[in-house]
């Protein structure tokens, strides 16, 4: 079962609702006086999105030895000139 929150009406899965509420409370405790209603809703929407993306990322099965898709190889001018 999911519920909606805020004027944006974005669905919040029941397991994520306490996480979103806690993160939003922390942000509002620290910077709440600087935010108007639109700012609070924008922050809440971003927190909901981040929590959802984190859950989706954790759902991808990875083994300990899985390599990254792209391996970063830095450019080194001195090495490239010698070749």
N, C-alpha and C. Protein backbone atom coordinates (compact mmCIF):
# COMPACT_ATOMS: atom_id res chain seq x y z
N UNK A 1 0.84 -1.17 0.00
CA UNK A 1 0.00 0.00 0.00
C UNK A 1 0.88 1.23 0.00
N UNK A 2 0.49 2.25 -0.75
CA UNK A 2 1.26 3.49 -0.74
C UNK A 2 0.34 4.64 -0.40
N UNK A 3 0.93 5.71 0.01
CA UNK A 3 0.20 6.91 0.37
C UNK A 3 0.77 8.06 -0.41
N UNK A 4 0.07 9.18 -0.41
CA UNK A 4 0.61 10.36 -1.06
C UNK A 4 0.95 11.39 -0.01
N UNK A 5 1.90 12.24 -0.35
CA UNK A 5 2.33 13.25 0.60
C UNK A 5 2.57 14.56 -0.12
N UNK A 6 2.15 15.65 0.50
CA UNK A 6 2.43 16.97 -0.05
C UNK A 6 1.55 17.30 -1.22
N UNK A 7 1.69 18.52 -1.72
CA UNK A 7 0.86 18.97 -2.83
C UNK A 7 1.25 18.31 -4.14
N UNK A 8 2.49 17.81 -4.24
CA UNK A 8 2.92 17.16 -5.47
C UNK A 8 2.25 15.81 -5.63
N UNK A 9 1.80 15.19 -4.53
CA UNK A 9 1.10 13.93 -4.61
C UNK A 9 2.00 12.76 -5.00
N UNK A 10 3.29 12.87 -4.79
CA UNK A 10 4.20 11.78 -5.13
C UNK A 10 3.97 10.62 -4.18
N UNK A 11 3.86 9.39 -4.72
CA UNK A 11 3.63 8.25 -3.85
C UNK A 11 4.84 7.96 -2.97
N UNK A 12 4.56 7.59 -1.73
CA UNK A 12 5.61 7.18 -0.81
C UNK A 12 5.29 5.76 -0.39
N UNK A 13 6.18 4.83 -0.64
CA UNK A 13 5.98 3.47 -0.18
C UNK A 13 6.05 3.47 1.33
N UNK A 14 5.24 2.66 1.96
CA UNK A 14 5.18 2.61 3.42
C UNK A 14 6.55 2.44 4.07
N UNK A 15 7.43 1.56 3.58
CA UNK A 15 8.74 1.41 4.22
C UNK A 15 9.60 2.68 4.13
N UNK A 16 9.38 3.49 3.11
CA UNK A 16 10.18 4.70 2.92
C UNK A 16 9.66 5.91 3.68
N UNK A 17 8.40 5.89 4.08
CA UNK A 17 7.80 7.06 4.73
C UNK A 17 8.56 7.50 5.98
N UNK A 18 8.96 6.61 6.90
CA UNK A 18 9.70 7.08 8.08
C UNK A 18 11.06 7.67 7.73
N UNK A 19 11.71 7.13 6.71
CA UNK A 19 13.02 7.64 6.29
C UNK A 19 12.86 9.05 5.73
N UNK A 20 11.88 9.22 4.87
CA UNK A 20 11.62 10.54 4.27
C UNK A 20 11.26 11.54 5.36
N UNK A 21 10.40 11.14 6.28
CA UNK A 21 9.97 12.05 7.35
C UNK A 21 11.14 12.45 8.23
N UNK A 22 12.01 11.51 8.56
CA UNK A 22 13.16 11.82 9.42
C UNK A 22 14.14 12.75 8.72
N UNK A 23 14.41 12.49 7.46
CA UNK A 23 15.33 13.37 6.72
C UNK A 23 14.74 14.77 6.54
N UNK A 24 13.46 14.83 6.26
CA UNK A 24 12.82 16.13 6.10
C UNK A 24 12.82 16.88 7.42
N UNK A 25 12.56 16.20 8.52
CA UNK A 25 12.58 16.85 9.83
C UNK A 25 13.96 17.41 10.14
N UNK A 26 15.01 16.67 9.78
CA UNK A 26 16.37 17.15 10.02
C UNK A 26 16.67 18.41 9.20
N UNK A 27 16.25 18.41 7.95
CA UNK A 27 16.46 19.59 7.10
C UNK A 27 15.68 20.78 7.64
N UNK A 28 14.42 20.55 8.00
CA UNK A 28 13.59 21.66 8.48
C UNK A 28 14.07 22.18 9.83
N UNK A 29 14.61 21.31 10.67
CA UNK A 29 15.14 21.77 11.95
C UNK A 29 16.34 22.68 11.75
N UNK A 30 17.10 22.41 10.72
CA UNK A 30 18.31 23.19 10.48
C UNK A 30 18.06 24.43 9.63
N UNK A 31 17.26 24.29 8.57
CA UNK A 31 17.08 25.39 7.62
C UNK A 31 15.62 25.75 7.38
N UNK A 32 14.71 25.24 8.18
CA UNK A 32 13.28 25.44 7.94
C UNK A 32 12.85 26.90 7.89
N UNK A 33 13.45 27.74 8.71
CA UNK A 33 13.04 29.15 8.71
C UNK A 33 13.42 29.87 7.43
N UNK A 34 14.31 29.30 6.66
CA UNK A 34 14.74 29.93 5.39
C UNK A 34 13.88 29.49 4.21
N UNK A 35 13.01 28.50 4.43
CA UNK A 35 12.23 27.93 3.33
C UNK A 35 10.78 28.37 3.40
N UNK A 36 10.23 28.74 2.26
CA UNK A 36 8.80 28.99 2.19
C UNK A 36 8.11 27.65 1.87
N UNK A 37 6.80 27.67 1.67
CA UNK A 37 6.08 26.42 1.42
C UNK A 37 6.57 25.72 0.15
N UNK A 38 6.83 26.50 -0.88
CA UNK A 38 7.31 25.91 -2.13
C UNK A 38 8.70 25.29 -1.94
N UNK A 39 9.54 25.96 -1.17
CA UNK A 39 10.87 25.42 -0.90
C UNK A 39 10.81 24.14 -0.09
N UNK A 40 9.91 24.11 0.90
CA UNK A 40 9.75 22.89 1.70
C UNK A 40 9.28 21.73 0.84
N UNK A 41 8.33 22.00 -0.04
CA UNK A 41 7.84 20.94 -0.92
C UNK A 41 8.92 20.48 -1.88
N UNK A 42 9.74 21.41 -2.38
CA UNK A 42 10.84 21.03 -3.28
C UNK A 42 11.85 20.15 -2.55
N UNK A 43 12.16 20.48 -1.31
CA UNK A 43 13.09 19.67 -0.51
C UNK A 43 12.48 18.30 -0.25
N UNK A 44 11.20 18.26 0.10
CA UNK A 44 10.54 16.98 0.37
C UNK A 44 10.53 16.11 -0.88
N UNK A 45 10.27 16.71 -2.03
CA UNK A 45 10.26 15.95 -3.28
C UNK A 45 11.64 15.39 -3.59
N UNK A 46 12.67 16.19 -3.35
CA UNK A 46 14.04 15.73 -3.60
C UNK A 46 14.42 14.59 -2.65
N UNK A 47 14.01 14.69 -1.40
CA UNK A 47 14.29 13.62 -0.45
C UNK A 47 13.57 12.34 -0.86
N UNK A 48 12.29 12.45 -1.25
CA UNK A 48 11.55 11.26 -1.72
C UNK A 48 12.26 10.63 -2.91
N UNK A 49 12.71 11.46 -3.84
CA UNK A 49 13.40 10.96 -5.03
C UNK A 49 14.71 10.27 -4.66
N UNK A 50 15.49 10.88 -3.77
CA UNK A 50 16.77 10.30 -3.37
C UNK A 50 16.59 8.97 -2.65
N UNK A 51 15.58 8.89 -1.78
CA UNK A 51 15.32 7.63 -1.07
C UNK A 51 14.89 6.55 -2.05
N UNK A 52 14.04 6.90 -3.00
CA UNK A 52 13.59 5.93 -4.02
C UNK A 52 14.77 5.47 -4.87
N UNK A 53 15.62 6.39 -5.32
CA UNK A 53 16.78 6.01 -6.13
C UNK A 53 17.75 5.14 -5.35
N UNK A 54 17.93 5.44 -4.07
CA UNK A 54 18.82 4.62 -3.24
C UNK A 54 18.27 3.21 -3.10
N UNK A 55 16.96 3.08 -2.94
CA UNK A 55 16.36 1.75 -2.83
C UNK A 55 16.54 0.97 -4.14
N UNK A 56 16.35 1.65 -5.27
CA UNK A 56 16.53 0.99 -6.57
C UNK A 56 17.98 0.58 -6.77
N UNK A 57 18.92 1.41 -6.34
CA UNK A 57 20.34 1.08 -6.47
C UNK A 57 20.70 -0.14 -5.62
N UNK A 58 20.19 -0.18 -4.40
CA UNK A 58 20.47 -1.33 -3.53
C UNK A 58 19.86 -2.61 -4.06
N UNK A 59 18.83 -2.52 -4.90
CA UNK A 59 18.16 -3.70 -5.43
C UNK A 59 18.97 -4.39 -6.53
N UNK A 60 19.97 -3.73 -7.08
CA UNK A 60 20.79 -4.33 -8.13
C UNK A 60 21.76 -5.31 -7.49
N UNK A 61 21.67 -6.58 -7.88
CA UNK A 61 22.55 -7.57 -7.27
C UNK A 61 23.99 -7.42 -7.77
N UNK A 62 24.92 -7.29 -6.85
CA UNK A 62 26.33 -7.19 -7.18
C UNK A 62 27.11 -8.19 -6.34
N UNK A 63 28.09 -8.81 -6.95
CA UNK A 63 29.00 -9.68 -6.21
C UNK A 63 30.20 -8.83 -5.79
N UNK A 64 30.95 -9.33 -4.84
CA UNK A 64 32.09 -8.58 -4.33
C UNK A 64 33.12 -8.28 -5.43
N UNK A 65 33.26 -9.17 -6.39
CA UNK A 65 34.27 -8.99 -7.42
C UNK A 65 33.79 -8.28 -8.67
N UNK A 66 32.56 -7.77 -8.69
CA UNK A 66 32.05 -7.09 -9.88
C UNK A 66 32.83 -5.81 -10.13
N UNK A 67 33.28 -5.66 -11.35
CA UNK A 67 34.05 -4.48 -11.77
C UNK A 67 33.09 -3.35 -12.16
N UNK A 68 33.54 -2.12 -12.08
CA UNK A 68 32.71 -1.02 -12.59
C UNK A 68 32.56 -1.12 -14.10
N UNK A 69 31.50 -0.56 -14.62
CA UNK A 69 31.27 -0.62 -16.06
C UNK A 69 32.36 0.13 -16.82
N UNK A 70 32.78 1.25 -16.29
CA UNK A 70 33.79 2.08 -16.94
C UNK A 70 35.00 2.18 -16.01
N UNK A 71 36.15 1.89 -16.55
CA UNK A 71 37.37 2.00 -15.76
C UNK A 71 38.03 3.32 -16.12
N UNK A 72 38.31 4.14 -15.13
CA UNK A 72 38.92 5.45 -15.34
C UNK A 72 40.41 5.29 -15.56
N UNK A 73 40.90 5.81 -16.68
CA UNK A 73 42.33 5.82 -16.97
C UNK A 73 42.72 7.28 -17.16
N UNK A 74 43.46 7.85 -16.23
CA UNK A 74 43.81 9.27 -16.33
C UNK A 74 44.76 9.54 -17.49
N UNK A 75 44.64 10.71 -18.07
CA UNK A 75 45.55 11.15 -19.14
C UNK A 75 46.83 11.65 -18.50
N UNK A 76 47.93 11.16 -18.99
CA UNK A 76 49.23 11.63 -18.53
C UNK A 76 50.05 12.01 -19.75
N UNK A 77 50.23 13.29 -19.96
CA UNK A 77 50.90 13.79 -21.17
C UNK A 77 52.31 13.25 -21.32
N UNK A 78 53.05 13.14 -20.23
CA UNK A 78 54.45 12.69 -20.30
C UNK A 78 54.51 11.24 -20.81
N UNK A 79 53.63 10.38 -20.35
CA UNK A 79 53.62 8.98 -20.79
C UNK A 79 53.18 8.88 -22.24
N UNK A 80 52.17 9.66 -22.64
CA UNK A 80 51.67 9.60 -24.00
C UNK A 80 52.70 10.12 -25.00
N UNK A 81 53.49 11.11 -24.64
CA UNK A 81 54.51 11.66 -25.53
C UNK A 81 55.66 10.69 -25.74
N UNK A 82 55.94 9.85 -24.75
CA UNK A 82 57.05 8.91 -24.84
C UNK A 82 56.71 7.75 -25.76
N UNK A 83 55.47 7.49 -26.03
CA UNK A 83 55.08 6.33 -26.85
C UNK A 83 55.13 6.62 -28.29
